[in-house]
Amino acid sequence: MSGRNGKIVNQANLTSYAYKSGENLTLRAALYKNTRPRYVVWEEVIKGLNLKGNESLLDVGCGDGTLLIKLRKEKGHSGALFGMDISSGILKRPINPADSQRLSIDFIVADAQYIPFPDNSFHVVTACHMIYHVPDIAKSLSEMSRVLKKGGKFALSANSQKSKIEVLKPLKEAISQRFSTVFSDATERFSMESGERLIKKFFKNVQLQKYASIISVDSINPYLIYCNTLRYFWNQDFSDSQWNEVMEFVKEYLREILARRGVIKERNIFGIFFATR
């Protein structure tokens, strides 16, 4: 797929580079430890679903399986749990350690546009911060609806178009200008603001829960680490030496902000759509 969003939906890029392992997800998530109030997406999803504890659940684009593992270990959920992701590398955490077998969680490699389960298979389907990676978003939502039982619960999380616009967005724009490249912005494909209309085509009783917090750090390191994980979402294939130049530019940009303000601070906003089939 060509255009501004090519890298973010290119499956070879996602599986071989951006999400070759769970490392980038882990490093990126570390930035949000600096938010106040702090919201953890999987916790808010489970809280909003108000589960009985015995439902069958499929987590689409499950990443390293955190939602499912936490649900079983910390919430004592007894229902059947399934996770699927397009990247076999990112699934190595739950598959290789004994967690998946010991906790009786099934993980499979599959495309969210072609979910390999029969109709009406699950009481609950979740999709956390992943739908913008799918080339055909409508098809993926249709598939999630198809495998959900009638009356079953659905939850999907996505960032706001107004999130991280004080620091990170201007920084990306500065990189774009300096290095003549374009960033594949997830919220251009799907966001908290744009998603409701599409979700309503496949689900009922759609409600949006919004979450807003402030990221505040007194060091450039959390942002530096975060930016380094975004390497494979630029439309240019940077060599290692070129990427080092980009990261040096990022360092100087962040240092200037810190010197001027004494802190790096901006809004973090996301939403969770809750619905039923």
C-alpha atoms as a PDB file:
ATOM      1  CA  MET A   1       0.000   0.000   0.000  1.00  0.00           C
ATOM      2  CA  SER A   2       1.422   3.357  -0.988  1.00  0.00           C
ATOM      3  CA  GLY A   3       0.903   6.822   0.468  1.00  0.00           C
ATOM      4  CA  ARG A   4       1.313   8.325   3.915  1.00  0.00           C
ATOM      5  CA  ASN A   5       0.110   5.223   5.732  1.00  0.00           C
ATOM      6  CA  GLY A   6       2.072   2.619   3.778  1.00  0.00           C
ATOM      7  CA  LYS A   7       4.488   1.621   6.538  1.00  0.00           C
ATOM      8  CA  ILE A   8       1.861   1.408   9.237  1.00  0.00           C
ATOM      9  CA  VAL A   9      -0.194  -1.176   7.339  1.00  0.00           C
ATOM     10  CA  ASN A  10       2.594  -2.983   5.497  1.00  0.00           C
ATOM     11  CA  GLN A  11       2.523  -6.467   6.978  1.00  0.00           C
ATOM     12  CA  ALA A  12       6.115  -7.300   6.012  1.00  0.00           C
ATOM     13  CA  ASN A  13       7.279  -4.136   7.770  1.00  0.00           C
ATOM     14  CA  LEU A  14       5.219  -4.881  10.870  1.00  0.00           C
ATOM     15  CA  THR A  15       6.298  -8.502  11.245  1.00  0.00           C
ATOM     16  CA  SER A  16       9.944  -8.175  10.174  1.00  0.00           C
ATOM     17  CA  TYR A  17      10.863  -4.798  11.651  1.00  0.00           C
ATOM     18  CA  ALA A  18       8.399  -2.705  13.690  1.00  0.00           C
ATOM     19  CA  TYR A  19       7.079  -5.652  15.726  1.00  0.00           C
ATOM     20  CA  LYS A  20       9.731  -8.275  15.099  1.00  0.00           C
ATOM     21  CA  SER A  21       9.651  -8.794  18.864  1.00  0.00           C
ATOM     22  CA  GLY A  22       7.827  -7.276  21.800  1.00  0.00           C
ATOM     23  CA  GLU A  23      10.732  -4.964  22.618  1.00  0.00           C
ATOM     24  CA  ASN A  24       9.425  -1.865  20.839  1.00  0.00           C
ATOM     25  CA  LEU A  25       6.028  -2.195  22.505  1.00  0.00           C
ATOM     26  CA  THR A  26       7.619  -2.510  25.935  1.00  0.00           C
ATOM     27  CA  LEU A  27       9.938   0.448  25.399  1.00  0.00           C
ATOM     28  CA  ARG A  28       7.152   2.622  23.974  1.00  0.00           C
ATOM     29  CA  ALA A  29       4.835   1.832  26.864  1.00  0.00           C
ATOM     30  CA  ALA A  30       7.483   3.007  29.336  1.00  0.00           C
ATOM     31  CA  LEU A  31       6.775   6.642  28.419  1.00  0.00           C
ATOM     32  CA  TYR A  32       3.243   6.327  29.819  1.00  0.00           C
ATOM     33  CA  LYS A  33       4.561   5.501  33.276  1.00  0.00           C
ATOM     34  CA  ASN A  34       5.102   9.263  33.456  1.00  0.00           C
ATOM     35  CA  THR A  35       1.408  10.132  33.035  1.00  0.00           C
ATOM     36  CA  ARG A  36      -0.820  11.564  35.769  1.00  0.00           C
ATOM     37  CA  PRO A  37      -3.387  10.293  36.311  1.00  0.00           C
ATOM     38  CA  ARG A  38      -2.039   7.051  34.970  1.00  0.00           C
ATOM     39  CA  TYR A  39      -4.380   4.852  32.942  1.00  0.00           C
ATOM     40  CA  VAL A  40      -3.326   1.378  31.786  1.00  0.00           C
ATOM     41  CA  VAL A  41      -5.274   0.461  28.662  1.00  0.00           C
ATOM     42  CA  TRP A  42      -5.814  -3.217  29.399  1.00  0.00           C
ATOM     43  CA  GLU A  43      -6.994  -2.420  32.928  1.00  0.00           C
ATOM     44  CA  GLU A  44      -9.519   0.136  31.668  1.00  0.00           C
ATOM     45  CA  VAL A  45     -10.759  -2.244  28.979  1.00  0.00           C
ATOM     46  CA  ILE A  46     -11.385  -5.028  31.501  1.00  0.00           C
ATOM     47  CA  LYS A  47     -12.930  -2.621  33.978  1.00  0.00           C
ATOM     48  CA  GLY A  48     -15.315  -1.256  31.344  1.00  0.00           C
ATOM     49  CA  LEU A  49     -16.380  -4.697  30.116  1.00  0.00           C
ATOM     50  CA  ASN A  50     -17.619  -5.637  33.610  1.00  0.00           C
ATOM     51  CA  LEU A  51     -16.999  -9.340  33.052  1.00  0.00           C
ATOM     52  CA  LYS A  52     -18.574 -12.128  35.091  1.00  0.00           C
ATOM     53  CA  GLY A  53     -15.344 -14.107  34.911  1.00  0.00           C
ATOM     54  CA  ASN A  54     -16.295 -17.151  32.849  1.00  0.00           C
ATOM     55  CA  GLU A  55     -16.672 -15.600  29.379  1.00  0.00           C
ATOM     56  CA  SER A  56     -14.712 -16.787  26.346  1.00  0.00           C
ATOM     57  CA  LEU A  57     -12.575 -13.898  25.076  1.00  0.00           C
ATOM     58  CA  LEU A  58     -10.543 -13.196  21.940  1.00  0.00           C
ATOM     59  CA  ASP A  59      -7.946 -10.411  21.992  1.00  0.00           C
ATOM     60  CA  VAL A  60      -7.272  -9.362  18.382  1.00  0.00           C
ATOM     61  CA  GLY A  61      -3.800  -7.910  17.839  1.00  0.00           C
ATOM     62  CA  CYS A  62      -2.869  -9.134  21.290  1.00  0.00           C
ATOM     63  CA  GLY A  63       0.805  -8.160  21.057  1.00  0.00           C
ATOM     64  CA  ASP A  64       2.757  -9.804  23.855  1.00  0.00           C
ATOM     65  CA  GLY A  65      -0.419 -11.131  25.469  1.00  0.00           C
ATOM     66  CA  THR A  66      -0.441  -8.802  28.482  1.00  0.00           C
ATOM     67  CA  LEU A  67      -4.223  -8.351  28.606  1.00  0.00           C
ATOM     68  CA  LEU A  68      -4.861 -12.100  28.572  1.00  0.00           C
ATOM     69  CA  ILE A  69      -2.079 -13.047  30.960  1.00  0.00           C
ATOM     70  CA  LYS A  70      -3.088 -10.336  33.440  1.00  0.00           C
ATOM     71  CA  LEU A  71      -6.756 -11.264  33.108  1.00  0.00           C
ATOM     72  CA  ARG A  72      -6.003 -14.873  34.003  1.00  0.00           C
ATOM     73  CA  LYS A  73      -3.357 -14.270  36.680  1.00  0.00           C
ATOM     74  CA  GLU A  74      -4.622 -11.115  38.373  1.00  0.00           C
ATOM     75  CA  LYS A  75      -8.367 -11.293  37.788  1.00  0.00           C
ATOM     76  CA  GLY A  76      -8.767 -15.066  38.047  1.00  0.00           C
ATOM     77  CA  HIS A  77     -10.773 -15.242  34.821  1.00  0.00           C
ATOM     78  CA  SER A  78     -11.901 -18.850  34.229  1.00  0.00           C
ATOM     79  CA  GLY A  79     -13.272 -18.569  30.674  1.00  0.00           C
ATOM     80  CA  ALA A  80     -11.405 -19.649  27.541  1.00  0.00           C
ATOM     81  CA  LEU A  81      -8.833 -17.045  26.464  1.00  0.00           C
ATOM     82  CA  PHE A  82      -7.442 -16.636  22.955  1.00  0.00           C
ATOM     83  CA  GLY A  83      -4.958 -14.149  21.558  1.00  0.00           C
ATOM     84  CA  MET A  84      -4.028 -13.536  17.939  1.00  0.00           C
ATOM     85  CA  ASP A  85      -1.441 -11.325  16.312  1.00  0.00           C
ATOM     86  CA  ILE A  86       0.035 -11.052  12.843  1.00  0.00           C
ATOM     87  CA  SER A  87       3.600 -11.142  14.176  1.00  0.00           C
ATOM     88  CA  SER A  88       4.984 -14.460  15.342  1.00  0.00           C
ATOM     89  CA  GLY A  89       7.952 -12.605  16.856  1.00  0.00           C
ATOM     90  CA  ILE A  90       5.827 -10.518  19.170  1.00  0.00           C
ATOM     91  CA  LEU A  91       4.115 -13.659  20.442  1.00  0.00           C
ATOM     92  CA  LYS A  92       7.358 -15.214  21.648  1.00  0.00           C
ATOM     93  CA  ARG A  93       6.888 -13.848  25.140  1.00  0.00           C
ATOM     94  CA  PRO A  94       3.622 -15.700  25.888  1.00  0.00           C
ATOM     95  CA  ILE A  95       4.453 -18.743  23.765  1.00  0.00           C
ATOM     96  CA  ASN A  96       8.016 -19.552  24.835  1.00  0.00           C
ATOM     97  CA  PRO A  97       7.682 -19.195  28.615  1.00  0.00           C
ATOM     98  CA  ALA A  98       5.311 -21.675  30.156  1.00  0.00           C
ATOM     99  CA  ASP A  99       2.748 -18.939  30.861  1.00  0.00           C
ATOM    100  CA  SER A 100       0.505 -19.838  27.918  1.00  0.00           C
ATOM    101  CA  GLN A 101       0.285 -23.539  28.795  1.00  0.00           C
ATOM    102  CA  ARG A 102       0.219 -23.101  32.542  1.00  0.00           C
ATOM    103  CA  LEU A 103      -2.462 -20.434  32.307  1.00  0.00           C
ATOM    104  CA  SER A 104      -4.314 -22.242  29.506  1.00  0.00           C
ATOM    105  CA  ILE A 105      -4.193 -19.363  27.029  1.00  0.00           C
ATOM    106  CA  ASP A 106      -4.095 -20.081  23.291  1.00  0.00           C
ATOM    107  CA  PHE A 107      -2.052 -17.769  21.048  1.00  0.00           C
ATOM    108  CA  ILE A 108      -2.143 -17.951  17.267  1.00  0.00           C
ATOM    109  CA  VAL A 109      -0.600 -16.045  14.355  1.00  0.00           C
ATOM    110  CA  ALA A 110      -3.431 -14.670  12.213  1.00  0.00           C
ATOM    111  CA  ASP A 111      -4.586 -11.673  10.184  1.00  0.00           C
ATOM    112  CA  ALA A 112      -7.306  -9.516  11.744  1.00  0.00           C
ATOM    113  CA  GLN A 113      -8.948  -9.304   8.305  1.00  0.00           C
ATOM    114  CA  TYR A 114      -9.431 -13.099   8.281  1.00  0.00           C
ATOM    115  CA  ILE A 115     -10.083 -14.274  11.834  1.00  0.00           C
ATOM    116  CA  PRO A 116      -9.794 -18.076  11.832  1.00  0.00           C
ATOM    117  CA  PHE A 117     -12.744 -18.868  14.087  1.00  0.00           C
ATOM    118  CA  PRO A 118     -16.361 -19.809  13.288  1.00  0.00           C
ATOM    119  CA  ASP A 119     -19.272 -17.399  13.627  1.00  0.00           C
ATOM    120  CA  ASN A 120     -20.528 -16.746  17.161  1.00  0.00           C
ATOM    121  CA  SER A 121     -17.406 -18.158  18.851  1.00  0.00           C
ATOM    122  CA  PHE A 122     -16.785 -15.679  21.687  1.00  0.00           C
ATOM    123  CA  HIS A 123     -18.628 -13.860  24.440  1.00  0.00           C
ATOM    124  CA  VAL A 124     -16.088 -10.995  24.275  1.00  0.00           C
ATOM    125  CA  VAL A 125     -13.769  -9.566  21.614  1.00  0.00           C
ATOM    126  CA  THR A 126     -11.154  -6.912  22.383  1.00  0.00           C
ATOM    127  CA  ALA A 127      -8.775  -4.910  20.176  1.00  0.00           C
ATOM    128  CA  CYS A 128      -6.357  -2.542  21.916  1.00  0.00           C
ATOM    129  CA  HIS A 129      -4.523   0.157  19.965  1.00  0.00           C
ATOM    130  CA  MET A 130      -4.148  -2.025  16.874  1.00  0.00           C
ATOM    131  CA  ILE A 131      -6.901  -1.368  14.330  1.00  0.00           C
ATOM    132  CA  TYR A 132      -4.921   1.324  12.485  1.00  0.00           C
ATOM    133  CA  HIS A 133      -2.383  -1.344  11.463  1.00  0.00           C
ATOM    134  CA  VAL A 134      -5.019  -3.253   9.466  1.00  0.00           C
ATOM    135  CA  PRO A 135      -5.173  -2.439   5.732  1.00  0.00           C
ATOM    136  CA  ASP A 136      -8.968  -2.882   5.547  1.00  0.00           C
ATOM    137  CA  ILE A 137     -10.343  -1.612   8.852  1.00  0.00           C
ATOM    138  CA  ALA A 138     -13.986  -2.217   7.932  1.00  0.00           C
ATOM    139  CA  LYS A 139     -13.270  -5.838   7.034  1.00  0.00           C
ATOM    140  CA  SER A 140     -11.502  -6.377  10.342  1.00  0.00           C
ATOM    141  CA  LEU A 141     -14.404  -4.906  12.311  1.00  0.00           C
ATOM    142  CA  SER A 142     -16.791  -7.093  10.319  1.00  0.00           C
ATOM    143  CA  GLU A 143     -14.729 -10.141  11.238  1.00  0.00           C
ATOM    144  CA  MET A 144     -14.685  -9.204  14.920  1.00  0.00           C
ATOM    145  CA  SER A 145     -18.455  -8.839  14.836  1.00  0.00           C
ATOM    146  CA  ARG A 146     -18.839 -12.161  13.025  1.00  0.00           C
ATOM    147  CA  VAL A 147     -16.967 -14.211  15.642  1.00  0.00           C
ATOM    148  CA  LEU A 148     -18.753 -12.467  18.534  1.00  0.00           C
ATOM    149  CA  LYS A 149     -21.875 -14.109  19.918  1.00  0.00           C
ATOM    150  CA  LYS A 150     -25.159 -12.235  19.628  1.00  0.00           C
ATOM    151  CA  GLY A 151     -25.331  -9.879  22.594  1.00  0.00           C
ATOM    152  CA  GLY A 152     -21.609 -10.352  23.188  1.00  0.00           C
ATOM    153  CA  LYS A 153     -19.354  -7.523  24.360  1.00  0.00           C
ATOM    154  CA  PHE A 154     -16.802  -5.635  22.276  1.00  0.00           C
ATOM    155  CA  ALA A 155     -14.068  -3.188  23.291  1.00  0.00           C
ATOM    156  CA  LEU A 156     -11.653  -1.269  21.067  1.00  0.00           C
ATOM    157  CA  SER A 157      -9.148   1.373  22.159  1.00  0.00           C
ATOM    158  CA  ALA A 158      -7.608   4.148  20.048  1.00  0.00           C
ATOM    159  CA  ASN A 159      -5.690   7.371  20.516  1.00  0.00           C
ATOM    160  CA  SER A 160      -7.158  10.842  20.122  1.00  0.00           C
ATOM    161  CA  GLN A 161      -6.151  13.158  17.287  1.00  0.00           C
ATOM    162  CA  LYS A 162      -5.465  15.697  20.067  1.00  0.00           C
ATOM    163  CA  SER A 163      -3.036  13.430  21.926  1.00  0.00           C
ATOM    164  CA  LYS A 164       0.645  14.360  22.200  1.00  0.00           C
ATOM    165  CA  ILE A 165       0.292  17.435  19.986  1.00  0.00           C
ATOM    166  CA  GLU A 166       2.372  19.791  22.159  1.00  0.00           C
ATOM    167  CA  VAL A 167       5.708  17.938  21.892  1.00  0.00           C
ATOM    168  CA  LEU A 168       5.640  14.741  19.860  1.00  0.00           C
ATOM    169  CA  LYS A 169       3.636  16.004  16.891  1.00  0.00           C
ATOM    170  CA  PRO A 170       5.805  19.124  16.362  1.00  0.00           C
ATOM    171  CA  LEU A 171       8.883  16.935  16.775  1.00  0.00           C
ATOM    172  CA  LYS A 172       7.681  14.584  14.029  1.00  0.00           C
ATOM    173  CA  GLU A 173       6.979  17.566  11.793  1.00  0.00           C
ATOM    174  CA  ALA A 174      10.482  18.908  12.453  1.00  0.00           C
ATOM    175  CA  ILE A 175      11.992  15.520  11.560  1.00  0.00           C
ATOM    176  CA  SER A 176       9.878  15.428   8.396  1.00  0.00           C
ATOM    177  CA  GLN A 177      11.197  18.790   7.278  1.00  0.00           C
ATOM    178  CA  ARG A 178      14.807  18.148   8.252  1.00  0.00           C
ATOM    179  CA  PHE A 179      15.064  14.715   6.634  1.00  0.00           C
ATOM    180  CA  SER A 180      12.480  15.045   3.833  1.00  0.00           C
ATOM    181  CA  THR A 181      10.348  12.165   5.030  1.00  0.00           C
ATOM    182  CA  VAL A 182       6.797  11.499   6.255  1.00  0.00           C
ATOM    183  CA  PHE A 183       5.580   9.758   9.412  1.00  0.00           C
ATOM    184  CA  SER A 184       2.786   7.187   9.183  1.00  0.00           C
ATOM    185  CA  ASP A 185       0.413   8.675  11.746  1.00  0.00           C
ATOM    186  CA  ALA A 186      -1.994   6.123  13.206  1.00  0.00           C
ATOM    187  CA  THR A 187      -4.721   8.660  14.016  1.00  0.00           C
ATOM    188  CA  GLU A 188      -5.004   9.598  10.351  1.00  0.00           C
ATOM    189  CA  ARG A 189      -6.407   6.113   9.742  1.00  0.00           C
ATOM    190  CA  PHE A 190      -8.470   5.621  12.907  1.00  0.00           C
ATOM    191  CA  SER A 191      -8.899   7.696  16.035  1.00  0.00           C
ATOM    192  CA  MET A 192     -11.104   8.259  19.025  1.00  0.00           C
ATOM    193  CA  GLU A 193     -12.796  11.046  17.080  1.00  0.00           C
ATOM    194  CA  SER A 194     -13.294   9.248  13.768  1.00  0.00           C
ATOM    195  CA  GLY A 195     -13.960   5.672  14.851  1.00  0.00           C
ATOM    196  CA  GLU A 196     -17.524   5.752  16.152  1.00  0.00           C
ATOM    197  CA  ARG A 197     -19.216   6.090  12.763  1.00  0.00           C
ATOM    198  CA  LEU A 198     -17.434   3.006  11.425  1.00  0.00           C
ATOM    199  CA  ILE A 199     -17.897   0.890  14.544  1.00  0.00           C
ATOM    200  CA  LYS A 200     -21.650   1.563  14.472  1.00  0.00           C
ATOM    201  CA  LYS A 201     -21.857  -0.216  11.113  1.00  0.00           C
ATOM    202  CA  PHE A 202     -20.986  -3.507  12.812  1.00  0.00           C
ATOM    203  CA  PHE A 203     -21.943  -3.159  16.483  1.00  0.00           C
ATOM    204  CA  LYS A 204     -24.791  -1.841  18.638  1.00  0.00           C
ATOM    205  CA  ASN A 205     -24.956   0.268  21.782  1.00  0.00           C
ATOM    206  CA  VAL A 206     -21.660   1.967  21.012  1.00  0.00           C
ATOM    207  CA  GLN A 207     -20.341   4.118  23.840  1.00  0.00           C
ATOM    208  CA  LEU A 208     -17.030   5.969  24.063  1.00  0.00           C
ATOM    209  CA  GLN A 209     -15.129   6.319  27.321  1.00  0.00           C
ATOM    210  CA  LYS A 210     -12.465   9.044  27.181  1.00  0.00           C
ATOM    211  CA  TYR A 211      -9.239   9.141  29.180  1.00  0.00           C
ATOM    212  CA  ALA A 212      -7.015  12.206  29.514  1.00  0.00           C
ATOM    213  CA  SER A 213      -3.760  12.606  31.401  1.00  0.00           C
ATOM    214  CA  ILE A 214      -0.548  14.625  31.348  1.00  0.00           C
ATOM    215  CA  ILE A 215       2.861  13.253  30.419  1.00  0.00           C
ATOM    216  CA  SER A 216       5.536  15.088  32.392  1.00  0.00           C
ATOM    217  CA  VAL A 217       9.262  14.256  32.455  1.00  0.00           C
ATOM    218  CA  ASP A 218      12.361  16.134  33.596  1.00  0.00           C
ATOM    219  CA  SER A 219      14.723  14.154  31.348  1.00  0.00           C
ATOM    220  CA  ILE A 220      14.878  13.684  27.583  1.00  0.00           C
ATOM    221  CA  ASN A 221      15.437   9.921  27.947  1.00  0.00           C
ATOM    222  CA  PRO A 222      11.802   8.704  28.023  1.00  0.00           C
ATOM    223  CA  TYR A 223      11.007  10.616  24.824  1.00  0.00           C
ATOM    224  CA  LEU A 224      14.297   9.609  23.240  1.00  0.00           C
ATOM    225  CA  ILE A 225      13.555   5.932  23.837  1.00  0.00           C
ATOM    226  CA  TYR A 226       9.989   6.371  22.579  1.00  0.00           C
ATOM    227  CA  CYS A 227      11.124   8.088  19.371  1.00  0.00           C
ATOM    228  CA  ASN A 228      13.693   5.377  18.686  1.00  0.00           C
ATOM    229  CA  THR A 229      10.881   2.776  18.581  1.00  0.00           C
ATOM    230  CA  LEU A 230       9.196   4.705  15.747  1.00  0.00           C
ATOM    231  CA  ARG A 231      12.010   4.099  13.247  1.00  0.00           C
ATOM    232  CA  TYR A 232      10.003   1.809  10.972  1.00  0.00           C
ATOM    233  CA  PHE A 233       6.937   4.052  10.693  1.00  0.00           C
ATOM    234  CA  TRP A 234       8.673   6.677   8.564  1.00  0.00           C
ATOM    235  CA  ASN A 235       8.250   6.368   4.822  1.00  0.00           C
ATOM    236  CA  GLN A 236      12.016   6.405   4.368  1.00  0.00           C
ATOM    237  CA  ASP A 237      14.062   3.264   5.012  1.00  0.00           C
ATOM    238  CA  PHE A 238      16.775   4.799   7.159  1.00  0.00           C
ATOM    239  CA  SER A 239      20.186   3.152   7.244  1.00  0.00           C
ATOM    240  CA  ASP A 240      21.747   2.824  10.691  1.00  0.00           C
ATOM    241  CA  SER A 241      23.950   5.870  10.090  1.00  0.00           C
ATOM    242  CA  GLN A 242      20.998   7.917   8.825  1.00  0.00           C
ATOM    243  CA  TRP A 243      18.898   6.902  11.815  1.00  0.00           C
ATOM    244  CA  ASN A 244      21.697   7.928  14.145  1.00  0.00           C
ATOM    245  CA  GLU A 245      21.494  11.386  12.539  1.00  0.00           C
ATOM    246  CA  VAL A 246      17.752  11.455  13.153  1.00  0.00           C
ATOM    247  CA  MET A 247      18.219  10.534  16.807  1.00  0.00           C
ATOM    248  CA  GLU A 248      20.900  13.198  17.262  1.00  0.00           C
ATOM    249  CA  PHE A 249      18.430  15.719  15.878  1.00  0.00           C
ATOM    250  CA  VAL A 250      15.794  14.419  18.324  1.00  0.00           C
ATOM    251  CA  LYS A 251      18.248  14.802  21.229  1.00  0.00           C
ATOM    252  CA  GLU A 252      18.928  18.425  20.413  1.00  0.00           C
ATOM    253  CA  TYR A 253      15.241  19.182  19.890  1.00  0.00           C
ATOM    254  CA  LEU A 254      14.311  17.715  23.270  1.00  0.00           C
ATOM    255  CA  ARG A 255      17.242  19.320  25.069  1.00  0.00           C
ATOM    256  CA  GLU A 256      16.129  22.723  23.811  1.00  0.00           C
ATOM    257  CA  ILE A 257      12.621  22.168  25.184  1.00  0.00           C
ATOM    258  CA  LEU A 258      13.960  20.985  28.521  1.00  0.00           C
ATOM    259  CA  ALA A 259      16.374  23.926  28.810  1.00  0.00           C
ATOM    260  CA  ARG A 260      13.618  26.405  27.987  1.00  0.00           C
ATOM    261  CA  ARG A 261      10.779  24.942  30.051  1.00  0.00           C
ATOM    262  CA  GLY A 262      12.532  22.849  32.704  1.00  0.00           C
ATOM    263  CA  VAL A 263      10.148  20.003  31.890  1.00  0.00           C
ATOM    264  CA  ILE A 264       8.776  18.162  28.869  1.00  0.00           C
ATOM    265  CA  LYS A 265       5.023  18.081  29.226  1.00  0.00           C
ATOM    266  CA  GLU A 266       2.019  17.336  27.002  1.00  0.00           C
ATOM    267  CA  ARG A 267      -1.444  15.776  26.956  1.00  0.00           C
ATOM    268  CA  ASN A 268      -2.050  12.062  26.439  1.00  0.00           C
ATOM    269  CA  ILE A 269      -5.615  11.288  25.340  1.00  0.00           C
ATOM    270  CA  PHE A 270      -7.196   8.024  24.259  1.00  0.00           C
ATOM    271  CA  GLY A 271     -10.615   6.435  24.173  1.00  0.00           C
ATOM    272  CA  ILE A 272     -12.196   3.016  24.493  1.00  0.00           C
ATOM    273  CA  PHE A 273     -15.274   2.119  22.465  1.00  0.00           C
ATOM    274  CA  PHE A 274     -17.557  -0.331  24.249  1.00  0.00           C
ATOM    275  CA  ALA A 275     -20.309  -1.990  22.254  1.00  0.00           C
ATOM    276  CA  THR A 276     -22.384  -5.144  21.805  1.00  0.00           C
ATOM    277  CA  ARG A 277     -23.275  -7.283  18.833  1.00  0.00           C
END
